[in-house]
C-alpha atoms as a PDB file:
ATOM      1  CA  MET A   1       9.133  17.104  61.239  1.00  0.00           C
ATOM      2  CA  ALA A   2       9.005  13.355  61.832  1.00  0.00           C
ATOM      3  CA  ALA A   3      10.252  10.955  59.197  1.00  0.00           C
ATOM      4  CA  ASP A   4       7.430   9.487  57.138  1.00  0.00           C
ATOM      5  CA  SER A   5       7.423   5.705  57.605  1.00  0.00           C
ATOM      6  CA  THR A   6       5.620   5.151  54.291  1.00  0.00           C
ATOM      7  CA  VAL A   7       8.479   6.566  52.230  1.00  0.00           C
ATOM      8  CA  LYS A   8      10.603   3.676  51.049  1.00  0.00           C
ATOM      9  CA  SER A   9      14.329   3.806  50.595  1.00  0.00           C
ATOM     10  CA  PRO A  10      15.694   3.293  47.072  1.00  0.00           C
ATOM     11  CA  GLU A  11      17.159  -0.072  48.145  1.00  0.00           C
ATOM     12  CA  SER A  12      13.737  -1.247  49.363  1.00  0.00           C
ATOM     13  CA  LYS A  13      12.113  -0.086  46.123  1.00  0.00           C
ATOM     14  CA  TYR A  14      14.654  -1.993  44.014  1.00  0.00           C
ATOM     15  CA  SER A  15      14.470  -5.125  46.144  1.00  0.00           C
ATOM     16  CA  ASN A  16      10.672  -5.141  45.824  1.00  0.00           C
ATOM     17  CA  THR A  17      10.948  -4.727  42.045  1.00  0.00           C
ATOM     18  CA  ILE A  18      13.559  -7.455  41.799  1.00  0.00           C
ATOM     19  CA  GLY A  19      11.477  -9.727  44.030  1.00  0.00           C
ATOM     20  CA  LYS A  20       8.356  -9.196  41.916  1.00  0.00           C
ATOM     21  CA  THR A  21      10.337  -9.783  38.714  1.00  0.00           C
ATOM     22  CA  LEU A  22      11.761 -13.035  40.071  1.00  0.00           C
ATOM     23  CA  ASP A  23       8.253 -14.134  41.106  1.00  0.00           C
ATOM     24  CA  VAL A  24       7.031 -13.561  37.538  1.00  0.00           C
ATOM     25  CA  VAL A  25      10.024 -15.439  36.090  1.00  0.00           C
ATOM     26  CA  GLN A  26       9.480 -18.304  38.532  1.00  0.00           C
ATOM     27  CA  SER A  27       5.773 -18.485  37.643  1.00  0.00           C
ATOM     28  CA  ALA A  28       6.640 -18.483  33.930  1.00  0.00           C
ATOM     29  CA  ILE A  29       9.068 -21.365  34.457  1.00  0.00           C
ATOM     30  CA  TYR A  30       6.411 -23.338  36.378  1.00  0.00           C
ATOM     31  CA  LEU A  31       3.957 -22.696  33.555  1.00  0.00           C
ATOM     32  CA  LEU A  32       6.465 -23.889  30.942  1.00  0.00           C
ATOM     33  CA  VAL A  33       7.211 -27.032  32.944  1.00  0.00           C
ATOM     34  CA  ALA A  34       3.475 -27.723  33.330  1.00  0.00           C
ATOM     35  CA  VAL A  35       2.859 -27.232  29.598  1.00  0.00           C
ATOM     36  CA  PHE A  36       5.829 -29.485  28.796  1.00  0.00           C
ATOM     37  CA  LEU A  37       4.539 -32.220  31.137  1.00  0.00           C
ATOM     38  CA  ILE A  38       1.043 -31.994  29.660  1.00  0.00           C
ATOM     39  CA  LEU A  39       2.455 -32.297  26.131  1.00  0.00           C
ATOM     40  CA  MET A  40       4.502 -35.297  27.243  1.00  0.00           C
ATOM     41  CA  ALA A  41       1.364 -36.885  28.716  1.00  0.00           C
ATOM     42  CA  PHE A  42      -0.499 -36.461  25.429  1.00  0.00           C
ATOM     43  CA  MET A  43       2.433 -37.909  23.485  1.00  0.00           C
ATOM     44  CA  ALA A  44       2.559 -40.847  25.892  1.00  0.00           C
ATOM     45  CA  PHE A  45      -1.186 -41.407  25.417  1.00  0.00           C
ATOM     46  CA  TYR A  46      -0.631 -41.410  21.657  1.00  0.00           C
ATOM     47  CA  ILE A  47       2.094 -44.031  22.056  1.00  0.00           C
ATOM     48  CA  VAL A  48      -0.211 -46.132  24.260  1.00  0.00           C
ATOM     49  CA  ALA A  49      -2.916 -45.855  21.563  1.00  0.00           C
ATOM     50  CA  GLN A  50      -0.380 -47.094  19.003  1.00  0.00           C
ATOM     51  CA  ASP A  51       0.471 -49.979  21.322  1.00  0.00           C
ATOM     52  CA  MET A  52      -3.217 -50.840  21.557  1.00  0.00           C
ATOM     53  CA  MET A  53      -3.493 -50.832  17.764  1.00  0.00           C
ATOM     54  CA  ASN A  54      -0.612 -53.305  17.656  1.00  0.00           C
ATOM     55  CA  PHE A  55      -2.827 -55.765  19.551  1.00  0.00           C
ATOM     56  CA  VAL A  56      -5.195 -55.701  16.573  1.00  0.00           C
ATOM     57  CA  ARG A  57      -2.574 -55.759  13.813  1.00  0.00           C
ATOM     58  CA  GLU A  58      -0.027 -58.212  15.203  1.00  0.00           C
ATOM     59  CA  PRO A  59      -0.313 -61.675  16.716  1.00  0.00           C
ATOM     60  CA  ALA A  60      -0.699 -61.747  20.485  1.00  0.00           C
ATOM     61  CA  SER A  61       2.594 -61.515  22.334  1.00  0.00           C
ATOM     62  CA  ILE A  62       3.637 -60.926  25.917  1.00  0.00           C
ATOM     63  CA  LEU A  63       6.173 -58.411  24.579  1.00  0.00           C
ATOM     64  CA  LEU A  64       3.295 -56.304  23.183  1.00  0.00           C
ATOM     65  CA  VAL A  65       1.587 -56.357  26.564  1.00  0.00           C
ATOM     66  CA  ASP A  66       4.851 -55.472  28.296  1.00  0.00           C
ATOM     67  CA  LYS A  67       5.498 -52.552  25.948  1.00  0.00           C
ATOM     68  CA  ALA A  68       1.954 -51.200  26.324  1.00  0.00           C
ATOM     69  CA  LEU A  69       2.120 -51.540  30.115  1.00  0.00           C
ATOM     70  CA  GLU A  70       5.487 -49.789  30.256  1.00  0.00           C
ATOM     71  CA  ASN A  71       4.190 -46.879  28.190  1.00  0.00           C
ATOM     72  CA  LEU A  72       1.016 -46.650  30.271  1.00  0.00           C
ATOM     73  CA  MET A  73       3.079 -46.479  33.460  1.00  0.00           C
ATOM     74  CA  VAL A  74       4.986 -43.547  31.945  1.00  0.00           C
ATOM     75  CA  VAL A  75       1.634 -41.752  31.716  1.00  0.00           C
ATOM     76  CA  PHE A  76       1.088 -42.407  35.432  1.00  0.00           C
ATOM     77  CA  VAL A  77       4.538 -41.026  36.266  1.00  0.00           C
ATOM     78  CA  ILE A  78       3.919 -37.892  34.199  1.00  0.00           C
ATOM     79  CA  THR A  79       0.500 -37.449  35.828  1.00  0.00           C
ATOM     80  CA  GLY A  80       2.115 -37.705  39.253  1.00  0.00           C
ATOM     81  CA  LEU A  81       4.686 -35.086  38.281  1.00  0.00           C
ATOM     82  CA  ILE A  82       1.921 -32.751  37.104  1.00  0.00           C
ATOM     83  CA  GLN A  83       0.075 -33.251  40.405  1.00  0.00           C
ATOM     84  CA  THR A  84       3.270 -32.610  42.393  1.00  0.00           C
ATOM     85  CA  LEU A  85       3.948 -29.419  40.437  1.00  0.00           C
ATOM     86  CA  ASN A  86       0.355 -28.270  40.904  1.00  0.00           C
ATOM     87  CA  VAL A  87       0.511 -28.762  44.682  1.00  0.00           C
ATOM     88  CA  TYR A  88       3.877 -26.995  44.845  1.00  0.00           C
ATOM     89  CA  ILE A  89       2.575 -24.001  42.894  1.00  0.00           C
ATOM     90  CA  LYS A  90      -0.460 -23.717  45.184  1.00  0.00           C
ATOM     91  CA  THR A  91       1.310 -24.212  48.515  1.00  0.00           C
ATOM     92  CA  HIS A  92       4.954 -23.301  47.775  1.00  0.00           C
ATOM     93  CA  ALA A  93       5.908 -26.456  49.636  1.00  0.00           C
ATOM     94  CA  ILE A  94       6.926 -29.848  48.338  1.00  0.00           C
ATOM     95  CA  ASP A  95       4.519 -32.602  49.383  1.00  0.00           C
ATOM     96  CA  THR A  96       6.907 -35.415  50.213  1.00  0.00           C
ATOM     97  CA  ARG A  97       4.156 -38.015  49.961  1.00  0.00           C
ATOM     98  CA  LEU A  98       3.487 -37.058  46.343  1.00  0.00           C
ATOM     99  CA  VAL A  99       7.174 -37.164  45.459  1.00  0.00           C
ATOM    100  CA  LEU A 100       7.504 -40.600  47.042  1.00  0.00           C
ATOM    101  CA  ALA A 101       4.356 -41.788  45.242  1.00  0.00           C
ATOM    102  CA  VAL A 102       5.782 -40.684  41.882  1.00  0.00           C
ATOM    103  CA  GLY A 103       9.054 -42.429  42.713  1.00  0.00           C
ATOM    104  CA  LEU A 104       7.200 -45.575  43.726  1.00  0.00           C
ATOM    105  CA  THR A 105       5.220 -45.518  40.480  1.00  0.00           C
ATOM    106  CA  ALA A 106       8.457 -45.198  38.508  1.00  0.00           C
ATOM    107  CA  VAL A 107      10.039 -48.112  40.387  1.00  0.00           C
ATOM    108  CA  ILE A 108       6.914 -50.243  39.882  1.00  0.00           C
ATOM    109  CA  ARG A 109       7.126 -49.442  36.174  1.00  0.00           C
ATOM    110  CA  ARG A 110      10.736 -50.582  36.217  1.00  0.00           C
ATOM    111  CA  VAL A 111       9.835 -53.820  38.026  1.00  0.00           C
ATOM    112  CA  LEU A 112       7.073 -54.589  35.543  1.00  0.00           C
ATOM    113  CA  VAL A 113       9.474 -54.066  32.648  1.00  0.00           C
ATOM    114  CA  PHE A 114      11.966 -56.475  34.243  1.00  0.00           C
ATOM    115  CA  GLY A 115       9.480 -59.284  33.652  1.00  0.00           C
ATOM    116  CA  ALA A 116       9.951 -59.515  29.887  1.00  0.00           C
ATOM    117  CA  THR A 117      13.460 -58.245  29.280  1.00  0.00           C
ATOM    118  CA  PRO A 118      16.676 -59.644  30.765  1.00  0.00           C
ATOM    119  CA  LYS A 119      18.559 -57.292  33.091  1.00  0.00           C
ATOM    120  CA  PRO A 120      21.911 -57.590  34.872  1.00  0.00           C
ATOM    121  CA  TRP A 121      21.740 -58.480  38.572  1.00  0.00           C
ATOM    122  CA  GLU A 122      23.096 -55.042  39.481  1.00  0.00           C
ATOM    123  CA  ASP A 123      20.026 -53.373  37.968  1.00  0.00           C
ATOM    124  CA  THR A 124      17.742 -55.726  39.864  1.00  0.00           C
ATOM    125  CA  ALA A 125      19.585 -55.075  43.141  1.00  0.00           C
ATOM    126  CA  MET A 126      19.473 -51.305  42.632  1.00  0.00           C
ATOM    127  CA  THR A 127      15.749 -51.456  41.891  1.00  0.00           C
ATOM    128  CA  ALA A 128      15.162 -53.502  45.048  1.00  0.00           C
ATOM    129  CA  ILE A 129      17.124 -50.955  47.109  1.00  0.00           C
ATOM    130  CA  LEU A 130      15.172 -48.055  45.579  1.00  0.00           C
ATOM    131  CA  LEU A 131      11.903 -49.828  46.278  1.00  0.00           C
ATOM    132  CA  PHE A 132      12.928 -50.452  49.896  1.00  0.00           C
ATOM    133  CA  VAL A 133      13.987 -46.819  50.420  1.00  0.00           C
ATOM    134  CA  LEU A 134      10.750 -45.467  48.911  1.00  0.00           C
ATOM    135  CA  LEU A 135       8.583 -47.798  50.974  1.00  0.00           C
ATOM    136  CA  LEU A 136      10.562 -46.904  54.105  1.00  0.00           C
ATOM    137  CA  GLY A 137      10.051 -43.197  53.335  1.00  0.00           C
ATOM    138  CA  ILE A 138       6.316 -43.665  52.848  1.00  0.00           C
ATOM    139  CA  PHE A 139       6.124 -45.640  56.105  1.00  0.00           C
ATOM    140  CA  MET A 140       8.062 -42.991  58.029  1.00  0.00           C
ATOM    141  CA  ILE A 141       5.946 -40.118  56.680  1.00  0.00           C
ATOM    142  CA  GLY A 142       2.762 -42.027  57.497  1.00  0.00           C
ATOM    143  CA  ARG A 143       4.052 -42.649  60.992  1.00  0.00           C
ATOM    144  CA  ALA A 144       4.989 -38.973  61.449  1.00  0.00           C
ATOM    145  CA  ASP A 145       1.515 -37.939  60.256  1.00  0.00           C
ATOM    146  CA  THR A 146      -0.045 -40.347  62.762  1.00  0.00           C
ATOM    147  CA  ARG A 147       2.033 -38.849  65.573  1.00  0.00           C
ATOM    148  CA  LYS A 148       0.970 -35.310  64.596  1.00  0.00           C
ATOM    149  CA  THR A 149      -2.674 -36.343  64.585  1.00  0.00           C
ATOM    150  CA  LYS A 150      -2.401 -38.107  67.958  1.00  0.00           C
ATOM    151  CA  GLY A 151      -0.408 -35.192  69.412  1.00  0.00           C
ATOM    152  CA  GLY A 152      -3.411 -32.911  69.095  1.00  0.00           C
ATOM    153  CA  GLU A 153      -2.347 -31.073  65.952  1.00  0.00           C
ATOM    154  CA  LYS A 154      -4.931 -30.924  63.238  1.00  0.00           C
ATOM    155  CA  HIS A 155      -3.656 -32.495  60.031  1.00  0.00           C
ATOM    156  CA  ASP A 156      -5.279 -32.211  56.597  1.00  0.00           C
END
């Protein structure tokens, strides 16, 4: 009698069970991270709303504008993180462009904050280096995408 190929070995059965369990755990972690980011976004919106109320209650000040802008940029960073997580969950691949965009948003936030508060020159230099590296990464990815498109590969 020939061996039945549909009968699975005990090791295969356990590895499938372990694999499925790890998939569920991984999905639960992604869900928790998404819920946490969404809660952070709502809290950041609340803080921005408080900042906006300060425009009504307090005399006009560039520091109020700076604080409100900084908090609003945090919302953009959190939104970018949520989008990156969403794409990763759907495709199981990290979209480098999204990661670089979130990083660029965070650096822009940092640059805008530099305008109203004094910072040591080391912080300014590090921010400039980060900005250069992010822009270089975005340029290189855009160039690679252009090459793929010109090379005959279809690119979404």
